[in-house]
Amino acid sequence: MATRKWLRRVRQDGWGGGLEDRCRAPLHCPHRTDAEVVETLVEARLGHPYWGGKQLLWLAKRQPDQTLPAASAAGDILKRRVWSGPTPTTSSFASRPGHLGGLRGFGRISP
């Protein structure tokens, strides 16, 4: 099978171009989310940095005539386009030095 593929490429493109590796990525994706929907989600995320895909879809539903993706797809779009790592919280252990977190019976450590 591979031999036929390479022979066909050499016949079509010659020895120089027919033997080079080609990109295997698809040329188009028919179920890709529209660019304007992606931009709407990204702009909404910039306005609400602590919201996830589900909340941003609720906000985007206010705009008519847009086919919106599922919440999981919206989350994937945000992961690709905007940093969506863990959000900073005020209850992190680093903000309370000497605190042992979930360990009970120890309380605070005196310096």
C-alpha atoms as a PDB file:
ATOM      1  CA  MET A   1       0.000   0.000   0.000  1.00  0.00           C
ATOM      2  CA  ALA A   2       2.727   2.479   0.922  1.00  0.00           C
ATOM      3  CA  THR A   3       4.657   1.647  -2.241  1.00  0.00           C
ATOM      4  CA  ARG A   4       1.700   2.569  -4.413  1.00  0.00           C
ATOM      5  CA  LYS A   5       1.294   5.839  -2.548  1.00  0.00           C
ATOM      6  CA  TRP A   6       4.942   6.823  -3.048  1.00  0.00           C
ATOM      7  CA  LEU A   7       4.941   5.792  -6.734  1.00  0.00           C
ATOM      8  CA  ARG A   8       1.808   7.866  -7.347  1.00  0.00           C
ATOM      9  CA  ARG A   9       3.394  10.884  -5.649  1.00  0.00           C
ATOM     10  CA  VAL A  10       6.584  10.545  -7.714  1.00  0.00           C
ATOM     11  CA  ARG A  11       4.508  10.386 -10.914  1.00  0.00           C
ATOM     12  CA  GLN A  12       2.514  13.476  -9.935  1.00  0.00           C
ATOM     13  CA  ASP A  13       5.232  15.682  -8.393  1.00  0.00           C
ATOM     14  CA  GLY A  14       8.491  14.229  -9.698  1.00  0.00           C
ATOM     15  CA  TRP A  15      11.428  12.956  -7.697  1.00  0.00           C
ATOM     16  CA  GLY A  16      12.049  16.234  -5.886  1.00  0.00           C
ATOM     17  CA  GLY A  17       8.606  16.978  -4.500  1.00  0.00           C
ATOM     18  CA  GLY A  18       7.039  13.538  -4.555  1.00  0.00           C
ATOM     19  CA  LEU A  19       9.312  12.024  -1.924  1.00  0.00           C
ATOM     20  CA  GLU A  20       8.886  14.760   0.693  1.00  0.00           C
ATOM     21  CA  ASP A  21       6.676  14.192   3.718  1.00  0.00           C
ATOM     22  CA  ARG A  22       3.315  15.916   3.604  1.00  0.00           C
ATOM     23  CA  CYS A  23       1.218  17.374   6.375  1.00  0.00           C
ATOM     24  CA  ARG A  24      -1.350  14.888   7.661  1.00  0.00           C
ATOM     25  CA  ALA A  25      -3.636  17.483   9.218  1.00  0.00           C
ATOM     26  CA  PRO A  26      -7.126  17.671   7.754  1.00  0.00           C
ATOM     27  CA  LEU A  27      -7.770  20.486   5.296  1.00  0.00           C
ATOM     28  CA  HIS A  28     -11.047  21.476   6.949  1.00  0.00           C
ATOM     29  CA  CYS A  29     -13.238  20.543   9.897  1.00  0.00           C
ATOM     30  CA  PRO A  30     -16.979  20.769   9.166  1.00  0.00           C
ATOM     31  CA  HIS A  31     -18.067  20.752  12.827  1.00  0.00           C
ATOM     32  CA  ARG A  32     -15.658  23.437  14.028  1.00  0.00           C
ATOM     33  CA  THR A  33     -17.180  26.225  16.144  1.00  0.00           C
ATOM     34  CA  ASP A  34     -17.683  29.492  14.263  1.00  0.00           C
ATOM     35  CA  ALA A  35     -14.974  32.106  14.765  1.00  0.00           C
ATOM     36  CA  GLU A  36     -17.456  34.741  15.945  1.00  0.00           C
ATOM     37  CA  VAL A  37     -18.761  32.396  18.656  1.00  0.00           C
ATOM     38  CA  VAL A  38     -15.188  31.744  19.787  1.00  0.00           C
ATOM     39  CA  GLU A  39     -14.495  35.481  19.920  1.00  0.00           C
ATOM     40  CA  THR A  40     -17.714  36.045  21.893  1.00  0.00           C
ATOM     41  CA  LEU A  41     -16.617  33.462  24.475  1.00  0.00           C
ATOM     42  CA  VAL A  42     -13.089  34.884  24.700  1.00  0.00           C
ATOM     43  CA  GLU A  43     -14.354  38.452  25.161  1.00  0.00           C
ATOM     44  CA  ALA A  44     -16.821  37.290  27.807  1.00  0.00           C
ATOM     45  CA  ARG A  45     -14.013  35.441  29.613  1.00  0.00           C
ATOM     46  CA  LEU A  46     -11.866  38.569  29.643  1.00  0.00           C
ATOM     47  CA  GLY A  47     -14.759  40.429  31.253  1.00  0.00           C
ATOM     48  CA  HIS A  48     -15.389  37.637  33.776  1.00  0.00           C
ATOM     49  CA  PRO A  49     -12.038  35.932  34.481  1.00  0.00           C
ATOM     50  CA  TYR A  50     -13.410  33.578  37.156  1.00  0.00           C
ATOM     51  CA  TRP A  51     -16.290  32.198  35.090  1.00  0.00           C
ATOM     52  CA  GLY A  52     -16.121  28.824  33.372  1.00  0.00           C
ATOM     53  CA  GLY A  53     -17.548  27.610  30.085  1.00  0.00           C
ATOM     54  CA  LYS A  54     -21.030  26.932  31.444  1.00  0.00           C
ATOM     55  CA  GLN A  55     -21.470  30.418  32.898  1.00  0.00           C
ATOM     56  CA  LEU A  56     -20.055  32.088  29.787  1.00  0.00           C
ATOM     57  CA  LEU A  57     -22.505  30.158  27.594  1.00  0.00           C
ATOM     58  CA  TRP A  58     -25.336  31.475  29.739  1.00  0.00           C
ATOM     59  CA  LEU A  59     -24.078  34.995  29.022  1.00  0.00           C
ATOM     60  CA  ALA A  60     -23.603  34.275  25.312  1.00  0.00           C
ATOM     61  CA  LYS A  61     -27.191  32.995  24.968  1.00  0.00           C
ATOM     62  CA  ARG A  62     -28.336  36.597  25.229  1.00  0.00           C
ATOM     63  CA  GLN A  63     -26.992  37.242  21.736  1.00  0.00           C
ATOM     64  CA  PRO A  64     -29.433  35.940  19.122  1.00  0.00           C
ATOM     65  CA  ASP A  65     -28.615  34.059  15.918  1.00  0.00           C
ATOM     66  CA  GLN A  66     -25.598  32.179  17.265  1.00  0.00           C
ATOM     67  CA  THR A  67     -25.261  28.422  17.427  1.00  0.00           C
ATOM     68  CA  LEU A  68     -23.505  27.802  20.713  1.00  0.00           C
ATOM     69  CA  PRO A  69     -21.337  24.786  21.543  1.00  0.00           C
ATOM     70  CA  ALA A  70     -21.784  22.498  24.513  1.00  0.00           C
ATOM     71  CA  ALA A  71     -20.374  23.564  27.875  1.00  0.00           C
ATOM     72  CA  SER A  72     -17.493  21.096  27.560  1.00  0.00           C
ATOM     73  CA  ALA A  73     -16.601  22.457  24.106  1.00  0.00           C
ATOM     74  CA  ALA A  74     -16.721  26.008  25.471  1.00  0.00           C
ATOM     75  CA  GLY A  75     -14.318  24.959  28.214  1.00  0.00           C
ATOM     76  CA  ASP A  76     -11.986  23.420  25.625  1.00  0.00           C
ATOM     77  CA  ILE A  77     -12.084  26.631  23.573  1.00  0.00           C
ATOM     78  CA  LEU A  78     -11.164  28.658  26.639  1.00  0.00           C
ATOM     79  CA  LYS A  79      -8.288  26.305  27.448  1.00  0.00           C
ATOM     80  CA  ARG A  80      -6.900  26.783  23.951  1.00  0.00           C
ATOM     81  CA  ARG A  81      -7.403  30.535  23.702  1.00  0.00           C
ATOM     82  CA  VAL A  82      -7.218  31.967  27.242  1.00  0.00           C
ATOM     83  CA  TRP A  83      -5.311  30.834  30.294  1.00  0.00           C
ATOM     84  CA  SER A  84      -7.814  28.977  32.437  1.00  0.00           C
ATOM     85  CA  GLY A  85      -5.708  27.464  35.158  1.00  0.00           C
ATOM     86  CA  PRO A  86      -6.614  27.350  38.810  1.00  0.00           C
ATOM     87  CA  THR A  87      -7.885  30.658  40.083  1.00  0.00           C
ATOM     88  CA  PRO A  88      -6.122  32.264  43.024  1.00  0.00           C
ATOM     89  CA  THR A  89      -7.984  31.988  46.308  1.00  0.00           C
ATOM     90  CA  THR A  90      -7.641  33.749  49.621  1.00  0.00           C
ATOM     91  CA  SER A  91      -7.654  30.508  51.587  1.00  0.00           C
ATOM     92  CA  SER A  92      -4.370  29.114  50.312  1.00  0.00           C
ATOM     93  CA  PHE A  93      -2.005  27.751  52.914  1.00  0.00           C
ATOM     94  CA  ALA A  94       0.756  30.073  51.744  1.00  0.00           C
ATOM     95  CA  SER A  95      -1.267  33.090  52.881  1.00  0.00           C
ATOM     96  CA  ARG A  96      -1.405  31.726  56.457  1.00  0.00           C
ATOM     97  CA  PRO A  97       2.103  30.867  57.633  1.00  0.00           C
ATOM     98  CA  GLY A  98       2.225  28.398  60.493  1.00  0.00           C
ATOM     99  CA  HIS A  99      -1.225  26.989  59.752  1.00  0.00           C
ATOM    100  CA  LEU A 100      -1.363  23.219  59.279  1.00  0.00           C
ATOM    101  CA  GLY A 101      -4.463  23.154  57.113  1.00  0.00           C
ATOM    102  CA  GLY A 102      -6.584  20.047  57.568  1.00  0.00           C
ATOM    103  CA  LEU A 103      -4.584  18.501  60.422  1.00  0.00           C
ATOM    104  CA  ARG A 104      -6.636  18.686  63.590  1.00  0.00           C
ATOM    105  CA  GLY A 105      -5.357  18.825  67.117  1.00  0.00           C
ATOM    106  CA  PHE A 106      -2.172  20.710  66.301  1.00  0.00           C
ATOM    107  CA  GLY A 107      -3.475  24.289  65.952  1.00  0.00           C
ATOM    108  CA  ARG A 108      -0.921  26.937  65.091  1.00  0.00           C
ATOM    109  CA  ILE A 109       2.814  26.434  65.362  1.00  0.00           C
ATOM    110  CA  SER A 110       4.545  29.032  67.498  1.00  0.00           C
ATOM    111  CA  PRO A 111       7.707  30.498  65.996  1.00  0.00           C
END
